Protein backbone atom coordinates (compact mmCIF):
# COMPACT_ATOMS: atom_id res chain seq x y z
CA MET A 1 -0.14 -0.08 -0.03
CA LYS A 2 0.97 3.69 -0.76
CA GLN A 3 2.29 5.41 2.47
CA LYS A 4 -0.46 7.88 3.63
CA SER A 5 -2.83 7.89 0.59
CA VAL A 6 -5.28 6.79 3.00
CA ALA A 7 -6.84 8.22 6.32
CA VAL A 8 -9.08 7.68 9.06
CA VAL A 9 -11.37 11.20 9.26
CA GLY A 10 -14.24 9.90 11.62
CA ALA A 11 -13.65 7.74 14.65
CA ALA A 12 -16.33 7.49 17.75
CA GLU A 13 -17.56 4.97 20.23
CA THR A 14 -20.88 3.93 21.25
CA THR A 15 -22.54 6.80 23.26
CA GLN A 16 -22.74 4.56 26.31
CA MET A 17 -20.13 1.97 27.34
CA GLY A 18 -20.04 -0.89 29.92
CA ARG A 19 -23.71 -2.06 30.55
CA ILE A 20 -26.36 -1.24 27.94
CA PRO A 21 -29.26 -3.44 28.14
CA ASP A 22 -31.76 -1.21 26.17
CA MET A 23 -29.60 -1.52 22.81
CA SER A 24 -29.23 -4.84 20.41
CA VAL A 25 -26.01 -5.68 18.63
CA LEU A 26 -27.25 -3.94 15.71
CA GLY A 27 -28.05 -0.85 17.59
CA LEU A 28 -24.75 -0.66 19.22
CA HIS A 29 -23.42 -1.23 15.33
CA ALA A 30 -25.76 1.77 13.81
CA ASP A 31 -24.89 3.72 17.17
CA ALA A 32 -21.41 3.69 16.70
CA ALA A 33 -21.80 4.15 13.19
CA LEU A 34 -23.87 7.27 13.62
CA ASN A 35 -21.02 8.86 15.95
CA ALA A 36 -18.29 8.53 14.12
CA LEU A 37 -20.45 10.03 10.50
CA ALA A 38 -20.90 12.82 13.27
CA ASP A 39 -17.51 13.17 14.07
CA CYS A 40 -16.27 13.79 9.97
CA GLY A 41 -19.76 15.57 9.17
CA LEU A 42 -20.79 13.18 6.60
CA LYS A 43 -24.51 11.27 6.12
CA PRO A 44 -24.88 7.50 5.65
CA SER A 45 -25.25 8.43 1.81
CA ASP A 46 -22.30 9.83 1.51
CA ILE A 47 -20.63 6.08 2.16
CA ASP A 48 -19.70 3.88 -0.25
CA GLY A 49 -18.35 1.33 1.62
CA VAL A 50 -18.99 -0.79 4.45
CA ALA A 51 -16.93 -3.74 6.46
CA THR A 52 -17.67 -5.01 9.51
CA ALA A 53 -17.98 -8.35 12.10
CA GLY A 54 -19.69 -9.62 14.38
CA GLU A 55 -22.74 -8.53 11.99
CA SER A 56 -23.43 -9.30 8.34
CA PRO A 57 -22.38 -6.02 6.38
CA VAL A 58 -25.74 -6.57 4.51
CA GLN A 59 -27.87 -6.14 7.79
CA LEU A 60 -25.76 -3.07 8.37
CA ALA A 61 -25.80 -1.35 5.25
CA GLN A 62 -29.83 -1.92 4.79
CA TYR A 63 -30.01 -0.82 8.55
CA LEU A 64 -28.29 2.61 7.82
CA GLY A 65 -29.80 2.76 4.41
CA ILE A 66 -26.30 2.34 2.27
CA THR A 67 -25.59 0.54 -1.01
CA PRO A 68 -22.29 0.58 -1.13
CA THR A 69 -20.15 -0.57 -4.52
CA TRP A 70 -17.74 -2.38 -1.68
CA ALA A 71 -18.61 -4.52 1.16
CA ASP A 72 -16.15 -6.50 3.56
CA GLY A 73 -17.68 -8.97 5.89
CA THR A 74 -13.89 -10.57 6.95
CA SER A 75 -14.49 -12.13 10.63
CA VAL A 76 -11.62 -14.03 12.17
CA GLY A 77 -12.13 -12.60 15.90
CA GLY A 78 -11.22 -9.62 17.66
CA CYS A 79 -8.34 -7.89 15.25
CA SER A 80 -10.91 -8.25 12.18
CA PHE A 81 -10.85 -4.51 12.53
CA MET A 82 -7.58 -3.98 11.84
CA LEU A 83 -8.18 -6.08 9.08
CA HIS A 84 -10.74 -3.92 7.96
CA VAL A 85 -9.00 -1.01 7.93
CA ARG A 86 -6.45 -2.73 5.53
CA HIS A 87 -8.69 -4.04 3.14
CA ALA A 88 -10.44 -0.64 3.18
CA ALA A 89 -7.39 1.08 2.38
CA ALA A 90 -6.57 -1.31 -0.43
CA ALA A 91 -10.11 -0.64 -1.93
CA ILE A 92 -10.03 3.05 -1.82
CA ASN A 93 -6.71 2.94 -3.70
CA GLU A 94 -8.05 0.88 -6.22
CA GLY A 95 -11.31 3.15 -6.90
CA LEU A 96 -13.09 0.75 -5.72
CA CYS A 97 -15.17 3.14 -3.46
CA ASN A 98 -14.37 6.69 -1.99
CA THR A 99 -15.58 6.41 1.82
CA VAL A 100 -15.68 3.54 4.08
CA LEU A 101 -17.57 2.85 7.27
CA ILE A 102 -16.17 0.57 9.70
CA THR A 103 -18.39 -0.68 12.56
CA HIS A 104 -18.03 -2.70 15.38
CA GLY A 105 -21.03 -3.11 18.26
CA GLU A 106 -21.40 -6.08 20.93
CA SER A 107 -23.68 -6.82 23.70
CA GLY A 108 -21.10 -8.94 25.42
CA ARG A 109 -22.62 -8.32 29.08
CA SER A 110 -26.23 -7.76 28.22
CA ARG A 111 -26.49 -10.50 25.45
CA VAL A 112 -29.21 -8.59 23.65
CA GLY A 113 -29.07 -9.64 20.20
CA ALA A 114 -25.95 -11.73 20.54
CA GLY A 115 -25.48 -14.82 19.18
CA ARG A 116 -24.25 -17.98 20.95
CA PHE A 117 -21.24 -19.16 22.12
CA GLY A 118 -18.76 -21.73 21.49
CA ALA A 119 -17.68 -23.28 18.14
CA SER A 120 -19.39 -25.25 15.89
CA PRO A 121 -19.34 -28.99 16.75
CA SER A 122 -18.21 -29.54 13.34
CA SER A 123 -15.50 -27.36 13.29
CA GLN A 124 -11.91 -28.49 13.94
CA ASN A 125 -11.78 -27.12 17.60
CA GLY A 126 -15.09 -28.35 17.80
CA GLN A 127 -14.06 -32.13 17.04
CA PHE A 128 -10.46 -32.16 18.29
CA GLU A 129 -10.42 -29.56 21.16
CA ALA A 130 -13.92 -29.10 23.02
CA PRO A 131 -14.41 -32.73 23.66
CA TYR A 132 -11.24 -32.45 26.26
CA GLY A 133 -12.77 -30.04 28.53
CA PRO A 134 -11.52 -26.19 27.62
CA VAL A 135 -14.40 -23.85 27.94
CA GLY A 136 -13.57 -20.56 26.14
CA PRO A 137 -10.58 -18.20 25.75
CA PRO A 138 -9.76 -18.41 29.84
CA SER A 139 -8.92 -22.48 29.59
CA MET A 140 -7.95 -22.43 25.87
CA PHE A 141 -5.32 -19.49 26.37
CA THR A 142 -3.95 -21.58 29.40
CA LEU A 143 -2.14 -23.75 27.04
CA PRO A 144 0.50 -21.12 25.50
CA VAL A 145 0.94 -19.13 28.40
CA LEU A 146 2.06 -21.92 30.66
CA ARG A 147 4.45 -23.22 28.11
CA PHE A 148 5.58 -19.40 27.62
CA MET A 149 6.02 -18.84 31.44
CA LYS A 150 8.26 -22.32 31.77
CA ASP A 151 10.53 -21.56 28.77
CA VAL A 152 11.30 -17.75 29.16
CA GLY A 153 11.31 -18.05 32.48
CA VAL A 154 8.35 -15.47 33.45
CA SER A 155 7.01 -15.52 36.94
CA ILE A 156 3.62 -15.22 38.02
CA GLU A 157 4.35 -11.75 39.60
CA GLU A 158 5.47 -10.64 36.50
CA LEU A 159 2.43 -11.83 34.80
CA ALA A 160 0.41 -9.83 37.25
CA MET A 161 2.41 -6.66 37.11
CA VAL A 162 0.66 -6.50 33.22
CA ALA A 163 -2.65 -5.90 34.75
CA VAL A 164 -1.54 -3.29 37.11
CA VAL A 165 0.15 -1.13 34.58
CA GLN A 166 -3.07 -1.32 32.46
CA ARG A 167 -5.11 -0.35 35.39
CA GLU A 168 -2.56 3.01 35.85
CA TRP A 169 -3.83 3.92 32.19
CA ALA A 170 -7.47 3.31 32.90
CA ALA A 171 -7.29 5.86 35.86
CA LYS A 172 -6.66 8.77 33.69
CA ASN A 173 -9.43 7.62 31.39
CA PRO A 174 -13.05 8.78 32.32
CA ARG A 175 -14.49 6.24 30.31
CA ALA A 176 -12.55 3.28 31.51
CA THR A 177 -14.83 0.61 33.24
CA PHE A 178 -12.21 0.02 36.03
CA LYS A 179 -9.94 3.03 37.40
CA ASP A 180 -9.29 2.10 41.30
CA PRO A 181 -5.31 1.33 41.56
CA ILE A 182 -4.42 -2.47 42.04
CA THR A 183 -1.38 -4.13 43.33
CA VAL A 184 0.70 -7.10 42.27
CA ASP A 185 -0.99 -8.87 45.30
CA ASP A 186 -4.52 -7.50 44.54
CA VAL A 187 -4.32 -9.48 40.56
CA LEU A 188 -2.53 -12.82 42.49
CA ASN A 189 -5.20 -12.68 45.32
CA SER A 190 -8.43 -12.17 43.03
CA ALA A 191 -10.48 -14.80 42.11
CA MET A 192 -8.78 -18.15 40.31
CA ILE A 193 -10.36 -18.48 36.58
CA ALA A 194 -7.81 -21.24 35.22
CA TYR A 195 -4.35 -21.58 36.16
CA PRO A 196 -2.44 -18.99 35.63
CA PHE A 197 -5.24 -16.89 35.17
CA ARG A 198 -6.89 -15.18 38.10
CA LEU A 199 -9.82 -12.80 37.90
CA LEU A 200 -7.85 -9.43 37.06
CA MET A 201 -5.98 -11.00 34.42
CA CYS A 202 -8.60 -11.71 32.22
CA CYS A 203 -10.73 -9.28 30.13
CA LEU A 204 -13.83 -7.37 31.47
CA VAL A 205 -17.12 -8.31 29.75
CA THR A 206 -19.23 -5.25 28.53
CA ASP A 207 -21.11 -4.01 26.13
CA GLY A 208 -20.16 -1.21 23.22
CA GLY A 209 -18.77 -0.48 20.20
CA GLY A 210 -17.40 1.79 17.99
CA ALA A 211 -16.69 2.74 13.70
CA LEU A 212 -14.33 4.39 11.75
CA VAL A 213 -14.47 6.26 8.41
CA LEU A 214 -11.49 6.25 6.02
CA THR A 215 -11.42 8.22 2.77
CA SER A 216 -8.36 9.36 0.65
CA ALA A 217 -5.73 11.59 1.86
CA GLU A 218 -6.37 13.79 -0.76
CA ARG A 219 -10.05 14.28 0.80
CA ALA A 220 -9.14 13.93 4.09
CA LYS A 221 -8.21 17.62 4.66
CA ASP A 222 -11.57 18.61 4.09
CA PHE A 223 -12.85 17.21 6.71
CA PRO A 224 -13.22 18.72 10.36
CA GLN A 225 -11.25 16.30 12.26
CA LYS A 226 -7.08 16.30 11.96
CA PRO A 227 -6.41 13.22 9.55
CA VAL A 228 -4.76 10.13 11.10
CA TYR A 229 -2.72 8.70 7.75
CA ILE A 230 -2.15 4.75 7.30
CA LEU A 231 1.14 4.51 7.36
CA GLY A 232 1.83 0.58 7.11
CA THR A 233 -0.87 -2.61 7.53
CA GLY A 234 -0.18 -6.58 8.12
CA GLU A 235 -2.29 -9.20 8.53
CA SER A 236 -2.23 -13.02 8.72
CA VAL A 237 -3.59 -16.16 10.41
CA GLU A 238 -1.90 -19.47 11.97
CA THR A 239 -4.66 -22.30 13.26
CA PRO A 240 -8.23 -22.18 14.28
CA MET A 241 -6.75 -24.32 17.23
CA VAL A 242 -4.90 -23.00 19.70
CA SER A 243 -3.09 -26.51 20.34
CA GLN A 244 -1.63 -26.79 16.80
CA MET A 245 0.37 -23.29 17.37
CA GLU A 246 3.57 -24.18 15.20
CA ASP A 247 5.31 -22.24 18.59
CA PHE A 248 3.41 -22.10 21.89
CA THR A 249 5.96 -19.49 22.73
CA SER A 250 5.24 -17.40 19.91
CA SER A 251 2.44 -16.30 17.47
CA LYS A 252 3.47 -16.68 13.67
CA ALA A 253 0.74 -14.52 12.81
CA PHE A 254 1.96 -11.80 14.71
CA ARG A 255 5.36 -12.23 13.55
CA VAL A 256 4.10 -11.98 9.93
CA SER A 257 1.47 -9.27 10.30
CA GLY A 258 3.60 -7.34 12.20
CA LYS A 259 6.91 -7.48 9.87
CA LYS A 260 4.46 -6.57 6.70
CA ALA A 261 3.15 -3.54 8.54
CA PHE A 262 6.60 -2.32 9.68
CA ASP A 263 7.96 -3.00 6.25
CA GLU A 264 5.56 -0.90 4.54
CA ALA A 265 5.69 1.74 6.64
CA GLY A 266 9.62 1.92 6.55
CA ILE A 267 10.13 2.61 10.18
CA LYS A 268 12.20 1.30 12.92
CA HIS A 269 10.76 0.10 16.53
CA ALA A 270 12.75 3.26 17.78
CA ASP A 271 10.58 5.48 15.88
CA VAL A 272 7.15 4.32 17.42
CA ASP A 273 5.93 7.11 20.25
CA HIS A 274 2.66 4.73 21.12
CA LEU A 275 1.71 1.12 20.95
CA MET A 276 -1.45 -0.58 21.54
CA ILE A 277 -1.06 -4.42 21.56
CA TYR A 278 -4.67 -6.21 22.24
CA ASP A 279 -4.45 -7.61 25.55
CA ALA A 280 -7.63 -9.81 26.08
CA PHE A 281 -5.55 -11.53 28.79
CA ALA A 282 -2.39 -10.53 30.66
CA HIS A 283 0.23 -12.61 28.43
CA LEU A 284 -0.97 -11.08 25.02
CA PRO A 285 0.97 -8.11 25.73
CA LEU A 286 4.38 -10.05 26.28
CA TYR A 287 4.01 -12.29 23.14
CA GLY A 288 3.25 -8.82 21.02
CA LEU A 289 6.34 -6.70 22.63
CA GLU A 290 8.81 -9.81 21.62
CA ASP A 291 6.92 -11.18 18.48
CA LEU A 292 6.49 -7.27 17.02
CA GLY A 293 10.35 -6.97 17.71
CA PHE A 294 10.16 -4.09 20.69
CA CYS A 295 11.81 -6.92 22.94
CA GLY A 296 14.25 -9.85 22.58
CA ARG A 297 13.03 -13.13 23.44
CA GLY A 298 12.45 -13.62 27.26
CA GLU A 299 12.79 -9.55 27.63
CA ALA A 300 9.27 -8.52 27.82
CA ALA A 301 7.67 -9.36 31.28
CA LYS A 302 10.64 -7.36 32.69
CA PHE A 303 10.42 -4.75 30.37
CA ILE A 304 7.07 -4.07 31.50
CA TRP A 305 7.99 -4.79 35.25
CA GLU A 306 10.80 -1.65 34.76
CA ARG A 307 7.90 0.46 34.02
CA ASN A 308 8.72 0.89 30.07
CA THR A 309 5.22 0.78 29.49
CA ALA A 310 3.83 2.41 32.33
CA PRO A 311 2.41 6.22 32.65
CA GLY A 312 5.87 8.07 31.94
CA GLY A 313 8.26 5.30 30.52
CA LYS A 314 9.84 5.34 27.30
CA LEU A 315 6.92 3.14 25.14
CA PRO A 316 3.79 4.17 26.36
CA LEU A 317 1.20 0.67 25.83
CA ASN A 318 -2.30 0.26 25.66
CA THR A 319 -3.10 3.59 26.92
CA ASN A 320 -6.91 3.69 27.55
CA GLY A 321 -6.40 0.74 29.89
CA GLY A 322 -6.62 -2.04 27.64
CA GLY A 323 -9.04 -4.88 27.84
CA LEU A 324 -7.93 -5.41 31.42
CA SER A 325 -9.56 -2.38 32.42
CA TYR A 326 -10.90 -0.14 30.19
CA MET A 327 -13.62 -1.97 27.84
CA HIS A 328 -13.95 -5.83 26.03
CA SER A 329 -17.00 -6.30 24.65
CA GLY A 330 -15.75 -9.39 22.97
CA MET A 331 -13.55 -8.36 20.04
CA TYR A 332 -11.44 -5.86 21.27
CA GLY A 333 -9.95 -4.56 18.29
CA MET A 334 -11.98 -1.58 17.26
CA TYR A 335 -11.09 -0.28 21.19
CA ALA A 336 -7.59 -0.28 20.55
CA LEU A 337 -8.01 1.63 17.13
CA GLN A 338 -10.00 4.03 18.43
CA GLU A 339 -7.59 4.95 21.29
CA SER A 340 -4.47 5.06 18.36
CA VAL A 341 -6.58 7.27 16.23
CA ARG A 342 -7.41 9.53 19.65
CA GLN A 343 -3.65 9.59 20.43
CA MET A 344 -2.62 10.86 16.64
CA ARG A 345 -5.46 13.30 17.00
CA GLY A 346 -3.74 14.60 19.94
CA ILE A 347 -7.00 14.24 22.03
CA ALA A 348 -6.82 11.30 24.01
CA PRO A 349 -7.27 11.33 27.95
CA ALA A 350 -3.79 9.70 28.95
CA GLN A 351 -2.17 11.59 25.77
CA VAL A 352 1.16 11.13 24.84
CA PRO A 353 3.20 14.35 24.50
CA GLY A 354 4.08 14.87 20.54
CA ALA A 355 3.13 11.28 19.51
CA LYS A 356 3.54 11.06 15.77
CA ILE A 357 3.38 7.43 15.25
CA SER A 358 1.36 4.69 16.80
CA VAL A 359 1.39 1.19 16.06
CA CYS A 360 -1.82 -1.36 16.82
CA HIS A 361 -1.51 -4.71 17.30
CA GLY A 362 -4.63 -7.38 17.21
CA VAL A 363 -5.27 -11.01 17.81
CA GLY A 364 -8.25 -13.04 16.84
CA GLY A 365 -9.28 -16.34 18.36
CA MET A 366 -6.71 -18.16 20.55
CA PHE A 367 -3.64 -16.75 18.43
CA GLY A 368 -5.44 -17.73 15.22
CA ALA A 369 -5.12 -14.43 13.27
CA SER A 370 -3.61 -11.22 13.76
CA GLY A 371 -3.96 -7.65 12.08
CA THR A 372 -1.46 -4.52 12.47
CA VAL A 373 -2.27 -0.96 11.56
CA ILE A 374 0.49 2.09 12.04
CA PHE A 375 -0.88 5.73 11.98
CA SER A 376 0.75 8.63 11.77
CA ASN A 377 -0.68 12.13 12.13
CA GLU A 378 2.16 13.79 9.59
CA ALA A 379 0.89 14.27 5.84
């Protein structure tokens, strides 16, 4: 993709966040979409490209009165929206559409209009993993994280520190679900979910959503908000079954997606001012820091323990509070993208002074997929 040829001109989350018992999944998508359109001064009729996951782009377009010339329903888990950004940029560059709306909405807590949990019995993981007893991400993710901790030498205290630092960032965010400070002991004394995960190492379960509006860089300067340019993107998939990862201590999809985005952006790690790594569970930032190349093998836990990613640190990470303390309705990727955009606009609650480049990295499933988007606020 040509650097900075496409920009985000509209970005917003749902009007309410957390518990929204009076809105369906489709309603949350629409609420986020209308907020993002208002952010850039557009109407649904101005949109000619739609992308979404967790809901059909057909239903979304019809509900909003949009007749698009391009649509994307890619759904690979929580990083789907990173892939949508990448695909939308390619579509705009190719002339398939001019203005793309990407939406997300989930009733993760209230379950209004939400789909059922669990894999289809005929799927690969339905046949070859589910019969052995894992019940959702908290128990499935234990497989790689225990191997990671053993091989790399990560302590349970270091794993807990990830949640502690995330909460420090959340305390600066008025919209965060949890803001009260926590300690390593607080994390280790919270309820056991599935070893090594304690409750405070696990993501929130909330209602909410968000939306983005993308268009060409040429048009972006005509919109009311500061354009946020797409510098580089990457995506990959590995396996639908966590048991079949090539290496439990590293995500192949992370490595491929991250390298592609960095190569495309033409930047070095030292150029990055702000970083978002999907943190559905406390171990994910450790994998992200190492697989993206910010830390060497076995160095990420110490890097966080020494407060390099905390407020005042040299690499601000998950500055909204992350999926552990800010929001996590099921597919967290949109919330990470929203925070990267806010940082590049200079309007984030915990704004990183002078930030010019933000890397936003997501995971889908149990290390099944990955998407990476690198943003810049300089034309």
